[in-house]
Structure formats: C-alpha cells, structure tokens
N, C-alpha and C. Protein backbone atom coordinates (compact mmCIF):
# COMPACT_ATOMS: atom_id res chain seq x y z
N MET A 1 -10.34 -70.10 17.12
CA MET A 1 -10.00 -70.50 18.45
C MET A 1 -8.89 -69.57 18.96
N LYS A 2 -9.15 -68.90 20.05
CA LYS A 2 -8.23 -67.93 20.63
C LYS A 2 -7.13 -68.64 21.42
N ASP A 3 -5.90 -68.10 21.33
CA ASP A 3 -4.79 -68.65 22.10
C ASP A 3 -4.96 -68.31 23.57
N TYR A 4 -4.70 -69.28 24.41
CA TYR A 4 -4.73 -69.07 25.85
C TYR A 4 -3.37 -68.52 26.27
N PRO A 5 -3.31 -67.57 27.20
CA PRO A 5 -2.03 -66.93 27.53
C PRO A 5 -1.01 -67.84 28.21
N VAL A 6 -1.43 -68.93 28.79
CA VAL A 6 -0.53 -69.86 29.49
C VAL A 6 -0.15 -70.97 28.52
N LYS A 7 1.16 -71.20 28.37
CA LYS A 7 1.64 -72.17 27.38
C LYS A 7 2.59 -73.18 28.01
N LEU A 8 2.56 -74.40 27.46
CA LEU A 8 3.48 -75.46 27.86
C LEU A 8 3.91 -76.22 26.62
N LYS A 9 5.20 -76.45 26.49
CA LYS A 9 5.75 -77.24 25.39
C LYS A 9 6.87 -78.10 25.95
N ILE A 10 6.82 -79.39 25.67
CA ILE A 10 7.87 -80.32 26.09
C ILE A 10 8.49 -80.90 24.82
N ASN A 11 9.81 -80.81 24.72
CA ASN A 11 10.51 -81.32 23.55
C ASN A 11 10.42 -82.85 23.50
N TYR A 12 10.05 -83.35 22.33
CA TYR A 12 9.94 -84.79 22.12
C TYR A 12 11.33 -85.39 21.89
N LEU A 13 11.63 -86.48 22.60
CA LEU A 13 12.90 -87.18 22.43
C LEU A 13 12.75 -88.26 21.35
N GLU A 14 13.70 -88.33 20.44
CA GLU A 14 13.66 -89.37 19.41
C GLU A 14 13.95 -90.75 19.97
N SER A 15 14.72 -90.80 21.05
CA SER A 15 14.97 -92.09 21.71
C SER A 15 15.00 -91.87 23.22
N SER A 16 14.60 -92.89 23.95
CA SER A 16 14.53 -92.81 25.41
C SER A 16 15.48 -93.83 26.02
N ASN A 17 15.97 -93.51 27.20
CA ASN A 17 16.89 -94.38 27.92
C ASN A 17 16.09 -95.51 28.58
N ARG A 18 16.32 -96.71 28.12
CA ARG A 18 15.56 -97.86 28.62
C ARG A 18 15.83 -98.14 30.10
N LEU A 19 17.09 -98.04 30.50
CA LEU A 19 17.45 -98.38 31.88
C LEU A 19 16.84 -97.40 32.88
N THR A 20 16.96 -96.10 32.63
CA THR A 20 16.39 -95.13 33.58
C THR A 20 14.87 -95.17 33.55
N ALA A 21 14.30 -95.48 32.38
CA ALA A 21 12.83 -95.58 32.30
C ALA A 21 12.33 -96.70 33.21
N LEU A 22 13.05 -97.78 33.25
CA LEU A 22 12.65 -98.93 34.07
C LEU A 22 12.64 -98.58 35.56
N PHE A 23 13.59 -97.76 35.98
CA PHE A 23 13.72 -97.41 37.40
C PHE A 23 13.25 -95.99 37.72
N ARG A 24 12.54 -95.37 36.81
CA ARG A 24 12.14 -93.97 36.96
C ARG A 24 11.35 -93.70 38.23
N PHE A 25 10.48 -94.63 38.59
CA PHE A 25 9.62 -94.42 39.75
C PHE A 25 10.40 -94.41 41.06
N ILE A 26 11.59 -94.99 41.03
CA ILE A 26 12.47 -94.94 42.20
C ILE A 26 13.38 -93.71 42.12
N LEU A 27 13.90 -93.44 40.94
CA LEU A 27 14.82 -92.32 40.75
C LEU A 27 14.18 -90.96 41.05
N VAL A 28 12.88 -90.87 40.89
CA VAL A 28 12.19 -89.59 41.06
C VAL A 28 11.95 -89.24 42.54
N ILE A 29 12.07 -90.21 43.43
CA ILE A 29 11.73 -89.99 44.85
C ILE A 29 12.49 -88.84 45.49
N PRO A 30 13.82 -88.73 45.36
CA PRO A 30 14.51 -87.61 46.05
C PRO A 30 14.06 -86.23 45.58
N ILE A 31 13.85 -86.07 44.28
CA ILE A 31 13.47 -84.75 43.77
C ILE A 31 12.01 -84.43 44.12
N VAL A 32 11.17 -85.44 44.20
CA VAL A 32 9.78 -85.22 44.65
C VAL A 32 9.77 -84.81 46.12
N PHE A 33 10.66 -85.37 46.90
CA PHE A 33 10.78 -84.99 48.30
C PHE A 33 11.15 -83.51 48.43
N ILE A 34 12.10 -83.06 47.63
CA ILE A 34 12.49 -81.64 47.63
C ILE A 34 11.30 -80.78 47.22
N LEU A 35 10.59 -81.17 46.18
CA LEU A 35 9.40 -80.41 45.75
C LEU A 35 8.37 -80.35 46.87
N GLY A 36 8.17 -81.45 47.56
CA GLY A 36 7.22 -81.48 48.67
C GLY A 36 7.58 -80.51 49.77
N LEU A 37 8.87 -80.39 50.05
CA LEU A 37 9.31 -79.46 51.10
C LEU A 37 9.02 -78.00 50.74
N ILE A 38 9.23 -77.64 49.49
CA ILE A 38 9.05 -76.23 49.13
C ILE A 38 7.65 -75.90 48.64
N SER A 39 6.89 -76.88 48.21
CA SER A 39 5.56 -76.58 47.67
C SER A 39 4.56 -76.21 48.76
N THR A 40 4.83 -76.55 50.00
CA THR A 40 3.95 -76.15 51.09
C THR A 40 3.83 -74.63 51.14
N TYR A 41 4.95 -73.96 50.93
CA TYR A 41 4.93 -72.50 50.92
C TYR A 41 4.17 -71.96 49.72
N ALA A 42 4.30 -72.64 48.57
CA ALA A 42 3.60 -72.19 47.36
C ALA A 42 2.09 -72.28 47.54
N GLU A 43 1.62 -73.31 48.20
CA GLU A 43 0.17 -73.45 48.44
C GLU A 43 -0.33 -72.35 49.36
N ALA A 44 0.40 -72.05 50.40
CA ALA A 44 0.01 -70.97 51.31
C ALA A 44 0.07 -69.63 50.59
N LEU A 45 1.01 -69.49 49.67
CA LEU A 45 1.15 -68.24 48.94
C LEU A 45 -0.05 -67.98 48.04
N SER A 46 -0.70 -69.02 47.53
CA SER A 46 -1.90 -68.84 46.71
C SER A 46 -2.99 -68.12 47.50
N PHE A 47 -3.16 -68.50 48.74
CA PHE A 47 -4.16 -67.84 49.58
C PHE A 47 -3.76 -66.39 49.85
N ALA A 48 -2.46 -66.16 50.10
CA ALA A 48 -1.98 -64.79 50.34
C ALA A 48 -2.17 -63.92 49.11
N ILE A 49 -1.91 -64.47 47.94
CA ILE A 49 -2.11 -63.71 46.70
C ILE A 49 -3.58 -63.37 46.51
N ALA A 50 -4.45 -64.33 46.79
CA ALA A 50 -5.88 -64.06 46.69
C ALA A 50 -6.28 -62.90 47.60
N MET A 51 -5.75 -62.87 48.80
CA MET A 51 -6.04 -61.77 49.73
C MET A 51 -5.48 -60.44 49.22
N MET A 52 -4.27 -60.47 48.66
CA MET A 52 -3.67 -59.25 48.11
C MET A 52 -4.50 -58.71 46.94
N LEU A 53 -4.96 -59.60 46.07
CA LEU A 53 -5.78 -59.18 44.94
C LEU A 53 -7.11 -58.61 45.43
N LEU A 54 -7.70 -59.27 46.39
CA LEU A 54 -9.00 -58.86 46.90
C LEU A 54 -8.95 -57.52 47.62
N PHE A 55 -7.97 -57.34 48.49
CA PHE A 55 -7.97 -56.16 49.34
C PHE A 55 -7.07 -55.02 48.86
N GLN A 56 -6.00 -55.33 48.11
CA GLN A 56 -5.10 -54.27 47.69
C GLN A 56 -4.91 -54.16 46.19
N GLU A 57 -5.50 -55.06 45.43
CA GLU A 57 -5.33 -55.10 43.98
C GLU A 57 -3.86 -55.08 43.59
N LYS A 58 -3.08 -55.99 44.22
CA LYS A 58 -1.65 -56.11 43.95
C LYS A 58 -1.29 -57.58 43.81
N TYR A 59 -0.29 -57.82 42.98
CA TYR A 59 0.31 -59.15 42.85
C TYR A 59 1.82 -58.90 42.84
N PRO A 60 2.46 -59.00 44.01
CA PRO A 60 3.90 -58.70 44.07
C PRO A 60 4.70 -59.56 43.09
N LYS A 61 5.58 -58.90 42.34
CA LYS A 61 6.37 -59.57 41.30
C LYS A 61 7.20 -60.72 41.87
N PHE A 62 7.80 -60.53 43.05
CA PHE A 62 8.63 -61.61 43.59
C PHE A 62 7.79 -62.81 44.01
N TRP A 63 6.52 -62.61 44.39
CA TRP A 63 5.63 -63.74 44.68
C TRP A 63 5.32 -64.50 43.38
N PHE A 64 5.06 -63.73 42.33
CA PHE A 64 4.80 -64.31 41.01
C PHE A 64 6.00 -65.16 40.58
N GLU A 65 7.19 -64.59 40.66
CA GLU A 65 8.40 -65.31 40.23
C GLU A 65 8.63 -66.57 41.05
N TRP A 66 8.37 -66.52 42.35
CA TRP A 66 8.49 -67.69 43.21
C TRP A 66 7.52 -68.78 42.75
N ASN A 67 6.25 -68.40 42.57
CA ASN A 67 5.23 -69.37 42.16
C ASN A 67 5.54 -69.98 40.80
N ILE A 68 5.99 -69.16 39.86
CA ILE A 68 6.30 -69.67 38.52
C ILE A 68 7.52 -70.58 38.58
N GLY A 69 8.51 -70.23 39.39
CA GLY A 69 9.68 -71.08 39.55
C GLY A 69 9.32 -72.45 40.09
N ILE A 70 8.47 -72.49 41.11
CA ILE A 70 8.01 -73.76 41.68
C ILE A 70 7.19 -74.54 40.64
N THR A 71 6.36 -73.84 39.89
CA THR A 71 5.53 -74.49 38.87
C THR A 71 6.41 -75.12 37.79
N LYS A 72 7.39 -74.39 37.33
CA LYS A 72 8.29 -74.94 36.30
C LYS A 72 9.03 -76.16 36.83
N PHE A 73 9.49 -76.08 38.05
CA PHE A 73 10.17 -77.20 38.69
C PHE A 73 9.25 -78.42 38.75
N ALA A 74 8.01 -78.21 39.17
CA ALA A 74 7.04 -79.31 39.28
C ALA A 74 6.77 -79.95 37.91
N TYR A 75 6.70 -79.15 36.87
CA TYR A 75 6.43 -79.70 35.54
C TYR A 75 7.64 -80.40 34.95
N ARG A 76 8.85 -80.00 35.32
CA ARG A 76 10.04 -80.76 34.91
C ARG A 76 10.01 -82.14 35.57
N ILE A 77 9.60 -82.17 36.83
CA ILE A 77 9.48 -83.45 37.54
C ILE A 77 8.40 -84.31 36.90
N ALA A 78 7.27 -83.70 36.56
CA ALA A 78 6.18 -84.45 35.93
C ALA A 78 6.63 -85.04 34.59
N ALA A 79 7.33 -84.26 33.79
CA ALA A 79 7.81 -84.76 32.49
C ALA A 79 8.78 -85.93 32.69
N TYR A 80 9.60 -85.84 33.70
CA TYR A 80 10.54 -86.93 34.02
C TYR A 80 9.77 -88.16 34.51
N PHE A 81 8.83 -87.96 35.41
CA PHE A 81 8.05 -89.05 35.99
C PHE A 81 7.23 -89.79 34.92
N PHE A 82 6.63 -89.02 34.01
CA PHE A 82 5.82 -89.63 32.96
C PHE A 82 6.66 -90.11 31.77
N LEU A 83 7.98 -90.20 31.97
CA LEU A 83 8.92 -90.78 31.00
C LEU A 83 9.09 -89.94 29.75
N MET A 84 8.69 -88.69 29.78
CA MET A 84 8.77 -87.82 28.61
C MET A 84 10.19 -87.27 28.42
N GLN A 85 10.96 -87.24 29.49
CA GLN A 85 12.33 -86.74 29.46
C GLN A 85 13.23 -87.69 30.22
N ASP A 86 14.46 -87.83 29.76
CA ASP A 86 15.43 -88.68 30.44
C ASP A 86 16.32 -87.88 31.39
N GLU A 87 16.45 -86.60 31.14
CA GLU A 87 17.32 -85.75 31.95
C GLU A 87 16.70 -85.55 33.33
N TYR A 88 17.51 -85.78 34.38
CA TYR A 88 17.00 -85.62 35.75
C TYR A 88 16.57 -84.18 35.95
N PRO A 89 15.41 -83.94 36.59
CA PRO A 89 14.87 -82.58 36.72
C PRO A 89 15.81 -81.63 37.48
N SER A 90 16.05 -80.50 36.87
CA SER A 90 16.87 -79.46 37.48
C SER A 90 16.00 -78.61 38.39
N THR A 91 16.59 -78.11 39.46
CA THR A 91 15.84 -77.21 40.34
C THR A 91 15.78 -75.80 39.80
N ASP A 92 16.62 -75.46 38.81
CA ASP A 92 16.65 -74.08 38.35
C ASP A 92 16.78 -73.87 36.84
N GLN A 93 17.07 -74.89 36.06
CA GLN A 93 17.22 -74.73 34.62
C GLN A 93 16.00 -75.24 33.89
N ALA A 94 15.65 -74.59 32.79
CA ALA A 94 14.43 -74.92 32.06
C ALA A 94 14.45 -76.31 31.44
N GLN A 95 15.62 -76.79 31.04
CA GLN A 95 15.75 -78.07 30.37
C GLN A 95 14.85 -78.11 29.13
N SER A 96 14.10 -79.18 28.93
CA SER A 96 13.30 -79.28 27.71
C SER A 96 11.81 -79.04 27.95
N VAL A 97 11.48 -78.44 29.07
CA VAL A 97 10.09 -78.10 29.38
C VAL A 97 9.98 -76.58 29.37
N GLN A 98 9.24 -76.06 28.40
CA GLN A 98 9.08 -74.61 28.30
C GLN A 98 7.67 -74.22 28.78
N ILE A 99 7.65 -73.31 29.74
CA ILE A 99 6.39 -72.84 30.30
C ILE A 99 6.36 -71.32 30.18
N THR A 100 5.23 -70.81 29.71
CA THR A 100 5.03 -69.37 29.62
C THR A 100 3.77 -69.02 30.40
N VAL A 101 3.95 -68.21 31.43
CA VAL A 101 2.83 -67.68 32.21
C VAL A 101 3.10 -66.18 32.35
N PRO A 102 2.34 -65.35 31.65
CA PRO A 102 2.61 -63.91 31.70
C PRO A 102 2.26 -63.30 33.06
N TYR A 103 3.10 -62.35 33.46
CA TYR A 103 2.83 -61.60 34.70
C TYR A 103 1.60 -60.71 34.46
N PRO A 104 0.61 -60.77 35.33
CA PRO A 104 -0.64 -60.04 35.07
C PRO A 104 -0.53 -58.54 35.37
N ASP A 105 -1.23 -57.78 34.56
CA ASP A 105 -1.44 -56.37 34.86
C ASP A 105 -2.70 -56.35 35.75
N VAL A 106 -2.50 -56.31 37.04
CA VAL A 106 -3.58 -56.55 38.00
C VAL A 106 -4.75 -55.60 37.78
N LYS A 107 -4.49 -54.34 37.61
CA LYS A 107 -5.57 -53.35 37.49
C LYS A 107 -6.41 -53.56 36.22
N ASN A 108 -5.79 -54.04 35.14
CA ASN A 108 -6.50 -54.19 33.87
C ASN A 108 -6.92 -55.61 33.55
N ASP A 109 -6.15 -56.60 34.02
CA ASP A 109 -6.39 -58.00 33.62
C ASP A 109 -7.12 -58.84 34.66
N LEU A 110 -7.08 -58.44 35.91
CA LEU A 110 -7.67 -59.26 36.98
C LEU A 110 -8.76 -58.49 37.72
N LYS A 111 -9.83 -59.18 38.00
CA LYS A 111 -10.90 -58.60 38.82
C LYS A 111 -10.64 -59.00 40.27
N ARG A 112 -10.71 -58.04 41.15
CA ARG A 112 -10.31 -58.30 42.54
C ARG A 112 -11.18 -59.34 43.24
N TRP A 113 -12.40 -59.54 42.83
CA TRP A 113 -13.30 -60.49 43.49
C TRP A 113 -13.21 -61.91 42.91
N MET A 114 -12.56 -62.08 41.77
CA MET A 114 -12.51 -63.39 41.10
C MET A 114 -11.86 -64.51 41.93
N PRO A 115 -10.82 -64.24 42.73
CA PRO A 115 -10.27 -65.35 43.52
C PRO A 115 -11.29 -66.02 44.43
N LEU A 116 -12.35 -65.31 44.77
CA LEU A 116 -13.38 -65.88 45.64
C LEU A 116 -14.19 -66.98 44.95
N VAL A 117 -14.27 -66.92 43.62
CA VAL A 117 -15.10 -67.89 42.90
C VAL A 117 -14.33 -68.83 41.97
N LYS A 118 -13.08 -68.53 41.70
CA LYS A 118 -12.32 -69.36 40.77
C LYS A 118 -12.23 -70.81 41.22
N TRP A 119 -12.07 -71.02 42.52
CA TRP A 119 -11.93 -72.38 43.03
C TRP A 119 -13.22 -73.18 42.82
N ILE A 120 -14.34 -72.50 42.73
CA ILE A 120 -15.60 -73.19 42.43
C ILE A 120 -15.75 -73.39 40.92
N LEU A 121 -15.35 -72.39 40.15
CA LEU A 121 -15.49 -72.46 38.69
C LEU A 121 -14.64 -73.55 38.04
N VAL A 122 -13.56 -73.97 38.70
CA VAL A 122 -12.70 -75.00 38.10
C VAL A 122 -13.15 -76.42 38.41
N ILE A 123 -14.20 -76.59 39.17
CA ILE A 123 -14.67 -77.94 39.51
C ILE A 123 -14.93 -78.79 38.26
N PRO A 124 -15.59 -78.27 37.21
CA PRO A 124 -15.75 -79.11 36.01
C PRO A 124 -14.41 -79.55 35.40
N HIS A 125 -13.42 -78.65 35.42
CA HIS A 125 -12.09 -79.01 34.92
C HIS A 125 -11.49 -80.13 35.76
N ILE A 126 -11.61 -80.02 37.06
CA ILE A 126 -11.02 -81.02 37.96
C ILE A 126 -11.64 -82.39 37.70
N ILE A 127 -12.94 -82.43 37.49
CA ILE A 127 -13.61 -83.71 37.22
C ILE A 127 -13.07 -84.33 35.93
N VAL A 128 -12.98 -83.53 34.87
CA VAL A 128 -12.45 -84.03 33.60
C VAL A 128 -11.00 -84.45 33.75
N LEU A 129 -10.20 -83.64 34.46
CA LEU A 129 -8.78 -83.93 34.62
C LEU A 129 -8.55 -85.21 35.43
N ILE A 130 -9.43 -85.53 36.35
CA ILE A 130 -9.30 -86.79 37.10
C ILE A 130 -9.42 -87.97 36.15
N PHE A 131 -10.40 -87.93 35.25
CA PHE A 131 -10.56 -89.02 34.28
C PHE A 131 -9.39 -89.06 33.30
N LEU A 132 -8.93 -87.89 32.87
CA LEU A 132 -7.78 -87.86 31.98
C LEU A 132 -6.52 -88.38 32.68
N PHE A 133 -6.39 -88.10 33.97
CA PHE A 133 -5.23 -88.59 34.72
C PHE A 133 -5.19 -90.11 34.73
N ILE A 134 -6.33 -90.73 34.86
CA ILE A 134 -6.39 -92.20 34.80
C ILE A 134 -5.86 -92.67 33.44
N GLY A 135 -6.25 -91.96 32.38
CA GLY A 135 -5.74 -92.28 31.05
C GLY A 135 -4.23 -92.05 30.94
N VAL A 136 -3.74 -91.00 31.61
CA VAL A 136 -2.30 -90.71 31.61
C VAL A 136 -1.53 -91.83 32.30
N ILE A 137 -2.06 -92.35 33.39
CA ILE A 137 -1.39 -93.46 34.10
C ILE A 137 -1.28 -94.67 33.18
N PHE A 138 -2.38 -95.05 32.54
CA PHE A 138 -2.35 -96.20 31.63
C PHE A 138 -1.44 -95.92 30.43
N SER A 139 -1.47 -94.70 29.93
CA SER A 139 -0.62 -94.32 28.81
C SER A 139 0.86 -94.40 29.18
N THR A 140 1.18 -93.99 30.39
CA THR A 140 2.57 -94.03 30.85
C THR A 140 3.05 -95.47 30.99
N ILE A 141 2.19 -96.34 31.47
CA ILE A 141 2.55 -97.77 31.56
C ILE A 141 2.79 -98.34 30.16
N PHE A 142 1.91 -97.99 29.23
CA PHE A 142 2.09 -98.45 27.85
C PHE A 142 3.37 -97.85 27.25
N ALA A 143 3.62 -96.58 27.54
CA ALA A 143 4.84 -95.93 27.04
C ALA A 143 6.08 -96.60 27.61
N LEU A 144 6.03 -96.99 28.88
CA LEU A 144 7.16 -97.70 29.49
C LEU A 144 7.44 -99.00 28.74
N LEU A 145 6.40 -99.74 28.45
CA LEU A 145 6.57 -100.99 27.70
C LEU A 145 7.14 -100.72 26.31
N ALA A 146 6.64 -99.66 25.66
CA ALA A 146 7.15 -99.31 24.33
C ALA A 146 8.62 -98.89 24.40
N ILE A 147 8.99 -98.13 25.41
CA ILE A 147 10.38 -97.70 25.57
C ILE A 147 11.28 -98.92 25.80
N LEU A 148 10.83 -99.83 26.65
CA LEU A 148 11.64 -101.02 26.93
C LEU A 148 11.81 -101.89 25.68
N LEU A 149 10.79 -101.95 24.83
CA LEU A 149 10.86 -102.79 23.63
C LEU A 149 11.52 -102.10 22.44
N THR A 150 11.21 -100.81 22.25
CA THR A 150 11.67 -100.12 21.03
C THR A 150 12.68 -99.00 21.30
N GLY A 151 12.74 -98.53 22.54
CA GLY A 151 13.63 -97.41 22.85
C GLY A 151 13.02 -96.06 22.52
N LYS A 152 11.74 -96.04 22.13
CA LYS A 152 11.07 -94.79 21.76
C LYS A 152 9.77 -94.62 22.55
N TYR A 153 9.48 -93.38 22.89
CA TYR A 153 8.19 -93.02 23.51
C TYR A 153 7.22 -92.77 22.35
N PRO A 154 6.10 -93.48 22.26
CA PRO A 154 5.18 -93.27 21.15
C PRO A 154 4.68 -91.81 21.08
N GLN A 155 4.80 -91.22 19.90
CA GLN A 155 4.48 -89.81 19.69
C GLN A 155 3.04 -89.47 20.10
N GLU A 156 2.08 -90.32 19.77
CA GLU A 156 0.67 -90.04 20.08
C GLU A 156 0.44 -90.00 21.60
N ILE A 157 1.08 -90.92 22.31
CA ILE A 157 0.94 -90.94 23.77
C ILE A 157 1.64 -89.72 24.35
N PHE A 158 2.80 -89.37 23.82
CA PHE A 158 3.52 -88.18 24.26
C PHE A 158 2.62 -86.95 24.11
N ASN A 159 1.97 -86.81 22.96
CA ASN A 159 1.09 -85.66 22.72
C ASN A 159 -0.07 -85.62 23.71
N PHE A 160 -0.63 -86.79 24.02
CA PHE A 160 -1.73 -86.87 24.98
C PHE A 160 -1.29 -86.43 26.37
N VAL A 161 -0.15 -86.96 26.84
CA VAL A 161 0.33 -86.62 28.19
C VAL A 161 0.74 -85.15 28.24
N GLU A 162 1.39 -84.67 27.19
CA GLU A 162 1.74 -83.24 27.13
C GLU A 162 0.48 -82.38 27.17
N GLY A 163 -0.56 -82.78 26.46
CA GLY A 163 -1.83 -82.06 26.47
C GLY A 163 -2.46 -82.04 27.85
N PHE A 164 -2.40 -83.17 28.54
CA PHE A 164 -2.91 -83.24 29.91
C PHE A 164 -2.15 -82.25 30.81
N LEU A 165 -0.83 -82.26 30.72
CA LEU A 165 -0.03 -81.35 31.54
C LEU A 165 -0.32 -79.89 31.18
N ARG A 166 -0.52 -79.61 29.90
CA ARG A 166 -0.87 -78.26 29.46
C ARG A 166 -2.19 -77.82 30.08
N TRP A 167 -3.17 -78.72 30.06
CA TRP A 167 -4.49 -78.41 30.62
C TRP A 167 -4.37 -78.16 32.12
N THR A 168 -3.63 -79.00 32.82
CA THR A 168 -3.49 -78.79 34.27
C THR A 168 -2.77 -77.48 34.58
N LEU A 169 -1.81 -77.11 33.74
CA LEU A 169 -1.12 -75.83 33.93
C LEU A 169 -2.08 -74.66 33.77
N ARG A 170 -2.94 -74.72 32.77
CA ARG A 170 -3.92 -73.64 32.55
C ARG A 170 -4.87 -73.51 33.74
N VAL A 171 -5.34 -74.64 34.24
CA VAL A 171 -6.24 -74.61 35.39
C VAL A 171 -5.50 -74.07 36.62
N SER A 172 -4.26 -74.48 36.78
CA SER A 172 -3.46 -73.99 37.90
C SER A 172 -3.22 -72.48 37.80
N ALA A 173 -2.90 -71.99 36.60
CA ALA A 173 -2.68 -70.55 36.42
C ALA A 173 -3.94 -69.76 36.73
N TYR A 174 -5.07 -70.33 36.40
CA TYR A 174 -6.35 -69.66 36.63
C TYR A 174 -6.75 -69.68 38.11
N ALA A 175 -6.67 -70.85 38.75
CA ALA A 175 -7.24 -70.99 40.09
C ALA A 175 -6.25 -70.91 41.23
N LEU A 176 -4.98 -71.27 41.01
CA LEU A 176 -4.00 -71.27 42.10
C LEU A 176 -2.96 -70.17 41.98
N LEU A 177 -2.39 -70.05 40.78
CA LEU A 177 -1.41 -68.98 40.57
C LEU A 177 -2.08 -67.62 40.44
N LEU A 178 -3.35 -67.64 40.03
CA LEU A 178 -4.18 -66.43 39.92
C LEU A 178 -3.57 -65.39 38.97
N THR A 179 -3.02 -65.87 37.85
CA THR A 179 -2.38 -64.96 36.90
C THR A 179 -3.28 -64.51 35.77
N THR A 180 -4.44 -65.14 35.63
CA THR A 180 -5.36 -64.77 34.57
C THR A 180 -6.80 -64.97 35.04
N ASP A 181 -7.69 -64.16 34.51
CA ASP A 181 -9.12 -64.36 34.75
C ASP A 181 -9.80 -65.01 33.55
N GLU A 182 -9.03 -65.30 32.52
CA GLU A 182 -9.58 -65.95 31.34
C GLU A 182 -9.79 -67.43 31.66
N TYR A 183 -11.05 -67.87 31.54
CA TYR A 183 -11.40 -69.25 31.89
C TYR A 183 -10.65 -70.23 30.99
N PRO A 184 -10.04 -71.27 31.58
CA PRO A 184 -9.25 -72.22 30.77
C PRO A 184 -10.13 -73.00 29.80
N PRO A 185 -9.61 -73.24 28.60
CA PRO A 185 -10.38 -74.03 27.63
C PRO A 185 -10.37 -75.52 27.99
N PHE A 186 -11.40 -76.21 27.56
CA PHE A 186 -11.50 -77.66 27.74
C PHE A 186 -10.85 -78.33 26.54
N ARG A 187 -9.51 -78.31 26.49
CA ARG A 187 -8.83 -78.94 25.36
C ARG A 187 -7.39 -79.28 25.73
N LEU A 188 -6.86 -80.27 25.05
CA LEU A 188 -5.49 -80.71 25.27
C LEU A 188 -4.49 -79.93 24.43
N LYS A 189 -4.92 -79.45 23.29
CA LYS A 189 -4.01 -78.77 22.36
C LYS A 189 -3.82 -77.30 22.75
N ASP A 190 -2.79 -76.71 22.13
CA ASP A 190 -2.51 -75.28 22.36
C ASP A 190 -3.62 -74.39 21.91
C-alpha cells in the first residue's frame, strides 16, 4: 500500500476537560464565524487556481500557502469541535493537529486539464464521506458521554474520527486545493 502525499495526525489526549466538552458546541461559535469570513476567499481561490493550472501551468506559492493556512485552521477547529482537543483553536499555531500537504511541482506532478474533471471524480468519495460523517456525529455524541463519565475520549472513536478527517483532507487536497493528481485512497488509515 503506497503512502498518500497528504497527511494528517492529531495527538491523542490522555484526559479531556469535562466542562469545556459539555459546552463545546457553544464555545466553537466565535472561531467558526471567523473561519466563515475568511473561507469565502479560499473557495474562490480554488477556481482561480484551476484556471491558472489550466491556462498557465502555474500554482503561485503564496496562493498555496494561503490555502494550506486556511485548511490547517479549519482542521484545528474540526478537532476542537469533535472533542478531540481541549485547546481552543489557534488562528496561526499548529497546536496538536499536524497537516502535511506538499507544494506541487506543477510541470511534473499536475496535468493542466485535471481540474476540469477532479470535481466529478470525487463524487464517489463524497457519497462515502456523507455516510461516514453521520457515523462521526454519533461517535462524537458517544465520545461526549464517555468524556463526561470517565474524563477520556475513547481511543477507537478518536481513531475513527481522525481517519474521517484524514480522508476529507485527502479529497480536499485532490479536488479543491489541487495540490496532487494522485487519486485519494478509500481508507481511513494513513
């Protein structure tokens, strides 16, 4: 099994804060609002990058860095929302969520016409991810109950939610960030 170039790792906490876990869905609102304000530009940038790849075979480094910065921020928020981390999401520090998305060598690694079809090719992934997301919601509710009773996030549920986030990151890198032409694997593990 070949390693996929896009990686996600979230550090497992041995104990979770019961009080913040209980109010997490309220505490996350301000930072989600900030993400909403800046992510509008990131979505428009995906289309601009597709046009740059198609017509000029370029992926400007500062566009890449902007997109990866927003992506890392979004995944810190997701880890906080899904109760995987107690630390409030930082807008600029990595914290305990490590994401690796390599900058593409456009001329050698990307085909200029691929952005035209990637959004269609990821439809099977989106269908599977919708069903997995339903499982993540139920898992998070169960994890909340476990945290309230034991103070710990169950390791198996943590691994499942981390795998889901890893899978969504791979699909995002392929279809939205446009950093790789390697089709994402259908798996939760690295």
